[in-house]
Amino acid sequence: IPMRPRSRSLTVVIARVNQVLRGWGEYFRHGSSSRKFVTIDHYVHERQAIFDSIKHGRRGRNWQRHTNAWLERLGIYRLSRPTRPKTAHA
């Protein structure tokens, strides 16, 4: 029986989403996947905003509340995180 969004803890949902995202990132990191990773990050942000809106009895996505900073504070894993440039060894 699926649980309704109001009954799920946000930390439980984020932990599960992070687990899945890390798995996808590790599996697909060797291909040319950067554009798809950005698409998945946008989708996760949108779904998390909708989940939070439903949980708080609001309609829609409420984008003013759900900024990238909000998402970072929650600790959502980002597939399209910036990569550090590789250093040349002398």
Protein backbone atom coordinates (compact mmCIF):
# COMPACT_ATOMS: atom_id res chain seq x y z
CA ILE A 1 0.00 0.00 0.00
CA PRO A 2 1.64 3.29 -1.05
CA MET A 3 1.85 5.92 1.63
CA ARG A 4 0.39 9.37 1.08
CA PRO A 5 2.89 12.27 0.91
CA ARG A 6 1.68 13.77 4.20
CA SER A 7 2.56 10.60 6.08
CA ARG A 8 6.13 10.26 4.76
CA SER A 9 9.02 11.97 6.48
CA LEU A 10 11.00 14.30 4.24
CA THR A 11 14.29 12.90 5.53
CA VAL A 12 13.20 9.36 4.63
CA VAL A 13 12.23 10.42 1.11
CA ILE A 14 15.50 12.33 0.60
CA ALA A 15 17.56 9.40 1.87
CA ARG A 16 15.88 7.04 -0.59
CA VAL A 17 16.15 9.48 -3.51
CA ASN A 18 19.84 10.09 -2.75
CA GLN A 19 20.49 6.36 -2.69
CA VAL A 20 18.94 5.93 -6.14
CA LEU A 21 20.67 9.01 -7.59
CA ARG A 22 24.08 7.89 -6.37
CA GLY A 23 23.52 4.47 -7.92
CA TRP A 24 22.53 5.97 -11.27
CA GLY A 25 25.49 8.34 -11.16
CA GLU A 26 27.96 5.56 -10.53
CA TYR A 27 26.46 3.29 -13.18
CA PHE A 28 26.17 5.89 -15.97
CA ARG A 29 29.18 8.10 -15.21
CA HIS A 30 31.41 6.51 -17.86
CA GLY A 31 29.20 7.44 -20.83
CA SER A 32 28.36 10.87 -22.22
CA SER A 33 25.65 11.47 -19.66
CA SER A 34 26.09 15.09 -18.50
CA ARG A 35 23.02 16.42 -20.36
CA LYS A 36 20.86 13.60 -19.05
CA PHE A 37 22.16 14.20 -15.53
CA VAL A 38 21.04 17.86 -15.78
CA THR A 39 17.62 16.70 -16.98
CA ILE A 40 17.30 14.25 -14.10
CA ASP A 41 18.37 16.94 -11.60
CA HIS A 42 15.66 19.28 -12.90
CA TYR A 43 13.08 16.51 -12.67
CA VAL A 44 14.10 15.65 -9.09
CA HIS A 45 13.91 19.33 -8.11
CA GLU A 46 10.42 19.63 -9.61
CA ARG A 47 9.13 16.45 -7.95
CA GLN A 48 10.60 17.46 -4.59
CA ALA A 49 8.92 20.87 -4.85
CA ILE A 50 5.58 19.23 -5.65
CA PHE A 51 6.02 16.78 -2.75
CA ASP A 52 6.80 19.62 -0.34
CA SER A 53 3.84 21.66 -1.58
CA ILE A 54 1.44 18.75 -1.09
CA LYS A 55 2.91 18.03 2.32
CA HIS A 56 2.24 21.62 3.39
CA GLY A 57 -1.24 21.82 1.85
CA ARG A 58 -0.31 24.10 -1.05
CA ARG A 59 -1.06 23.79 -4.73
CA GLY A 60 1.51 23.77 -7.51
CA ARG A 61 5.24 23.97 -7.21
CA ASN A 62 5.63 27.28 -5.33
CA TRP A 63 8.92 28.03 -7.07
CA GLN A 64 9.52 31.09 -4.91
CA ARG A 65 9.93 28.77 -1.92
CA HIS A 66 11.75 25.97 -3.71
CA THR A 67 14.99 27.50 -4.94
CA ASN A 68 18.26 25.71 -5.62
CA ALA A 69 19.49 26.90 -2.21
CA TRP A 70 16.47 25.18 -0.61
CA LEU A 71 17.33 21.98 -2.44
CA GLU A 72 20.96 22.15 -1.32
CA ARG A 73 19.90 22.68 2.31
CA LEU A 74 17.83 19.51 2.07
CA GLY A 75 20.90 17.57 0.98
CA ILE A 76 19.60 16.23 -2.33
CA TYR A 77 22.40 14.55 -4.29
CA ARG A 78 23.04 16.27 -7.61
CA LEU A 79 24.14 14.22 -10.58
CA SER A 80 25.25 17.31 -12.52
CA ARG A 81 27.52 18.61 -9.79
CA PRO A 82 30.53 20.57 -11.00
CA THR A 83 33.59 18.46 -11.48
CA ARG A 84 37.03 19.52 -10.36
CA PRO A 85 39.53 19.96 -13.16
CA LYS A 86 42.17 17.28 -13.22
CA THR A 87 45.59 18.47 -12.21
CA ALA A 88 48.63 17.80 -14.31
CA HIS A 89 51.36 15.95 -12.49
CA ALA A 90 54.86 17.28 -13.09
